[in-house]
């Protein structure tokens, strides 16, 4: 399954689930809920961290964290 870390700037996807149970609690508190649409808006000069648009706000995270978020294709958006 694809992960959030694999997106390119401008790509959108839907959060499908998490692979790290402890980190998932933190991510859920920040609005990264399964079924939520996310868009990769920026990457730092060396590719880490990344900035995501989630539920109307911008969230920054390391690619290591993003690799624990499974995504599915976002259609018709």
N, C-alpha and C. Protein backbone atom coordinates (compact mmCIF):
# COMPACT_ATOMS: atom_id res chain seq x y z
N UNK A 1 0.85 -1.18 0.00
CA UNK A 1 0.00 0.00 0.00
C UNK A 1 0.89 1.24 0.00
N UNK A 2 0.47 2.27 -0.68
CA UNK A 2 1.23 3.52 -0.76
C UNK A 2 1.16 4.27 0.57
N UNK A 3 2.19 5.10 0.81
CA UNK A 3 2.21 5.90 2.02
C UNK A 3 2.26 7.38 1.67
N UNK A 4 1.98 8.20 2.65
CA UNK A 4 1.98 9.65 2.48
C UNK A 4 3.36 10.17 2.06
N UNK A 5 4.41 9.49 2.48
CA UNK A 5 5.77 9.90 2.15
C UNK A 5 6.06 9.80 0.65
N UNK A 6 5.25 9.06 -0.09
CA UNK A 6 5.48 8.86 -1.52
C UNK A 6 4.83 9.92 -2.40
N UNK A 7 4.02 10.81 -1.83
CA UNK A 7 3.36 11.84 -2.62
C UNK A 7 4.36 12.87 -3.14
N UNK A 8 3.99 13.50 -4.24
CA UNK A 8 4.76 14.61 -4.80
C UNK A 8 3.96 15.89 -4.58
N UNK A 9 4.63 17.04 -4.62
CA UNK A 9 3.95 18.32 -4.40
C UNK A 9 2.77 18.44 -5.35
N UNK A 10 1.61 18.80 -4.79
CA UNK A 10 0.38 18.95 -5.56
C UNK A 10 -0.50 17.71 -5.57
N UNK A 11 0.06 16.56 -5.18
CA UNK A 11 -0.73 15.33 -5.13
C UNK A 11 -1.71 15.35 -3.96
N UNK A 12 -2.87 14.73 -4.18
CA UNK A 12 -3.87 14.56 -3.13
C UNK A 12 -4.12 13.08 -2.94
N UNK A 13 -4.47 12.71 -1.71
CA UNK A 13 -4.78 11.31 -1.40
C UNK A 13 -5.73 11.28 -0.22
N UNK A 14 -6.24 10.10 0.06
CA UNK A 14 -7.13 9.89 1.20
C UNK A 14 -6.41 9.00 2.20
N UNK A 15 -6.43 9.40 3.46
CA UNK A 15 -5.80 8.60 4.51
C UNK A 15 -6.58 7.30 4.67
N UNK A 16 -5.86 6.17 4.59
CA UNK A 16 -6.50 4.86 4.70
C UNK A 16 -6.26 4.21 6.05
N UNK A 17 -5.15 4.54 6.70
CA UNK A 17 -4.84 3.92 7.99
C UNK A 17 -3.41 4.21 8.40
N UNK A 18 -2.97 3.56 9.47
CA UNK A 18 -1.65 3.81 10.05
C UNK A 18 -0.93 2.50 10.32
N UNK A 19 0.40 2.55 10.33
CA UNK A 19 1.19 1.36 10.63
C UNK A 19 1.86 1.44 12.00
N UNK A 20 1.90 2.62 12.61
CA UNK A 20 2.53 2.81 13.92
C UNK A 20 1.45 3.21 14.92
N UNK A 21 1.10 2.30 15.81
CA UNK A 21 -0.01 2.54 16.74
C UNK A 21 0.23 3.74 17.65
N UNK A 22 1.44 3.88 18.19
CA UNK A 22 1.72 5.00 19.10
C UNK A 22 1.68 6.34 18.37
N UNK A 23 2.32 6.40 17.22
CA UNK A 23 2.33 7.64 16.44
C UNK A 23 0.94 7.96 15.91
N UNK A 24 0.14 6.94 15.64
CA UNK A 24 -1.20 7.19 15.10
C UNK A 24 -2.06 8.00 16.07
N UNK A 25 -1.88 7.82 17.36
CA UNK A 25 -2.64 8.61 18.34
C UNK A 25 -2.35 10.09 18.18
N UNK A 26 -1.07 10.42 18.03
CA UNK A 26 -0.66 11.82 17.83
C UNK A 26 -1.24 12.36 16.52
N UNK A 27 -1.16 11.56 15.47
CA UNK A 27 -1.66 11.99 14.17
C UNK A 27 -3.17 12.18 14.18
N UNK A 28 -3.88 11.30 14.86
CA UNK A 28 -5.34 11.44 14.97
C UNK A 28 -5.70 12.73 15.68
N UNK A 29 -4.95 13.07 16.74
CA UNK A 29 -5.20 14.31 17.47
C UNK A 29 -4.95 15.54 16.60
N UNK A 30 -4.08 15.41 15.60
CA UNK A 30 -3.77 16.53 14.71
C UNK A 30 -4.71 16.58 13.51
N UNK A 31 -5.71 15.70 13.46
CA UNK A 31 -6.69 15.75 12.38
C UNK A 31 -6.45 14.80 11.23
N UNK A 32 -5.45 13.95 11.34
CA UNK A 32 -5.18 12.96 10.29
C UNK A 32 -6.05 11.73 10.51
N UNK A 33 -7.30 11.85 10.15
CA UNK A 33 -8.27 10.78 10.37
C UNK A 33 -8.45 9.95 9.11
N UNK A 34 -8.66 8.64 9.24
CA UNK A 34 -8.95 7.84 8.05
C UNK A 34 -10.14 8.43 7.30
N UNK A 35 -9.99 8.50 5.97
CA UNK A 35 -11.03 9.08 5.13
C UNK A 35 -10.82 10.55 4.83
N UNK A 36 -9.86 11.19 5.51
CA UNK A 36 -9.57 12.60 5.30
C UNK A 36 -8.69 12.79 4.07
N UNK A 37 -9.00 13.80 3.27
CA UNK A 37 -8.19 14.12 2.09
C UNK A 37 -7.00 14.97 2.53
N UNK A 38 -5.82 14.61 2.04
CA UNK A 38 -4.61 15.38 2.32
C UNK A 38 -3.96 15.77 1.00
N UNK A 39 -3.29 16.91 1.01
CA UNK A 39 -2.56 17.38 -0.17
C UNK A 39 -1.16 17.77 0.24
N UNK A 40 -0.17 17.28 -0.49
CA UNK A 40 1.22 17.68 -0.22
C UNK A 40 1.44 19.04 -0.87
N UNK A 41 1.72 20.06 -0.06
CA UNK A 41 1.84 21.42 -0.57
C UNK A 41 3.28 21.90 -0.71
N UNK A 42 4.18 21.44 0.14
CA UNK A 42 5.58 21.88 0.09
C UNK A 42 6.50 20.78 0.60
N UNK A 43 7.74 20.83 0.14
CA UNK A 43 8.79 20.02 0.73
C UNK A 43 9.96 20.93 1.04
N UNK A 44 10.71 20.61 2.07
CA UNK A 44 11.91 21.37 2.41
C UNK A 44 12.97 21.14 1.33
N UNK A 45 14.00 21.99 1.27
CA UNK A 45 15.01 21.87 0.22
C UNK A 45 15.60 20.47 0.04
N UNK A 46 15.81 19.74 1.11
CA UNK A 46 16.35 18.38 0.98
C UNK A 46 15.27 17.32 1.09
N UNK A 47 13.99 17.73 0.96
CA UNK A 47 12.88 16.80 0.93
C UNK A 47 12.27 16.44 2.27
N UNK A 48 12.80 16.98 3.35
CA UNK A 48 12.30 16.63 4.68
C UNK A 48 12.46 17.82 5.60
N UNK A 49 11.44 18.32 6.25
CA UNK A 49 10.08 17.78 6.37
C UNK A 49 9.21 18.16 5.17
N UNK A 50 7.95 17.71 5.25
CA UNK A 50 6.97 18.03 4.22
C UNK A 50 5.82 18.80 4.86
N UNK A 51 5.10 19.57 4.03
CA UNK A 51 3.93 20.31 4.52
C UNK A 51 2.70 19.77 3.81
N UNK A 52 1.66 19.53 4.60
CA UNK A 52 0.42 18.95 4.08
C UNK A 52 -0.75 19.85 4.40
N UNK A 53 -1.72 19.89 3.51
CA UNK A 53 -2.98 20.57 3.79
C UNK A 53 -3.96 19.49 4.24
N UNK A 54 -4.42 19.62 5.49
CA UNK A 54 -5.32 18.63 6.10
C UNK A 54 -6.47 19.39 6.76
N UNK A 55 -7.68 19.11 6.38
CA UNK A 55 -8.87 19.71 7.00
C UNK A 55 -8.78 21.23 7.09
N UNK A 56 -8.24 21.87 6.05
CA UNK A 56 -8.21 23.32 6.00
C UNK A 56 -7.03 23.99 6.67
N UNK A 57 -6.09 23.23 7.20
CA UNK A 57 -4.91 23.85 7.80
C UNK A 57 -3.65 23.14 7.30
N UNK A 58 -2.50 23.76 7.55
CA UNK A 58 -1.23 23.19 7.11
C UNK A 58 -0.56 22.47 8.27
N UNK A 59 -0.10 21.27 7.99
CA UNK A 59 0.56 20.42 8.98
C UNK A 59 1.92 20.04 8.44
N UNK A 60 2.95 20.19 9.25
CA UNK A 60 4.30 19.82 8.85
C UNK A 60 4.69 18.54 9.58
N UNK A 61 5.33 17.63 8.85
CA UNK A 61 5.82 16.40 9.49
C UNK A 61 7.03 15.86 8.75
N UNK A 62 7.79 15.04 9.45
CA UNK A 62 8.95 14.39 8.83
C UNK A 62 8.46 13.27 7.92
N UNK A 63 9.29 12.95 6.93
CA UNK A 63 8.93 11.86 6.02
C UNK A 63 8.85 10.53 6.77
N UNK A 64 9.65 10.39 7.81
CA UNK A 64 9.59 9.16 8.62
C UNK A 64 8.19 8.97 9.21
N UNK A 65 7.60 10.07 9.69
CA UNK A 65 6.23 10.01 10.22
C UNK A 65 5.23 9.76 9.09
N UNK A 66 5.43 10.44 7.97
CA UNK A 66 4.52 10.29 6.82
C UNK A 66 4.53 8.86 6.28
N UNK A 67 5.64 8.16 6.44
CA UNK A 67 5.73 6.79 5.93
C UNK A 67 4.88 5.82 6.75
N UNK A 68 4.36 6.25 7.89
CA UNK A 68 3.50 5.38 8.71
C UNK A 68 2.02 5.59 8.39
N UNK A 69 1.72 6.47 7.44
CA UNK A 69 0.33 6.77 7.06
C UNK A 69 0.04 6.14 5.70
N UNK A 70 -0.81 5.14 5.68
CA UNK A 70 -1.21 4.51 4.43
C UNK A 70 -2.26 5.38 3.75
N UNK A 71 -2.16 5.46 2.42
CA UNK A 71 -3.09 6.29 1.65
C UNK A 71 -3.69 5.48 0.51
N UNK A 72 -4.79 6.02 -0.02
CA UNK A 72 -5.37 5.47 -1.24
C UNK A 72 -5.62 6.63 -2.19
N UNK A 73 -5.81 6.29 -3.43
CA UNK A 73 -6.00 7.30 -4.47
C UNK A 73 -7.23 8.16 -4.18
N UNK A 74 -7.07 9.44 -4.48
CA UNK A 74 -8.14 10.41 -4.28
C UNK A 74 -8.75 10.70 -5.66
N UNK A 75 -9.96 10.25 -5.89
CA UNK A 75 -10.59 10.41 -7.21
C UNK A 75 -11.58 11.57 -7.22
N UNK A 76 -11.71 12.19 -8.39
CA UNK A 76 -12.71 13.25 -8.63
C UNK A 76 -12.55 14.47 -7.74
N UNK A 77 -11.32 14.88 -7.50
CA UNK A 77 -11.10 16.09 -6.70
C UNK A 77 -10.16 17.00 -7.44
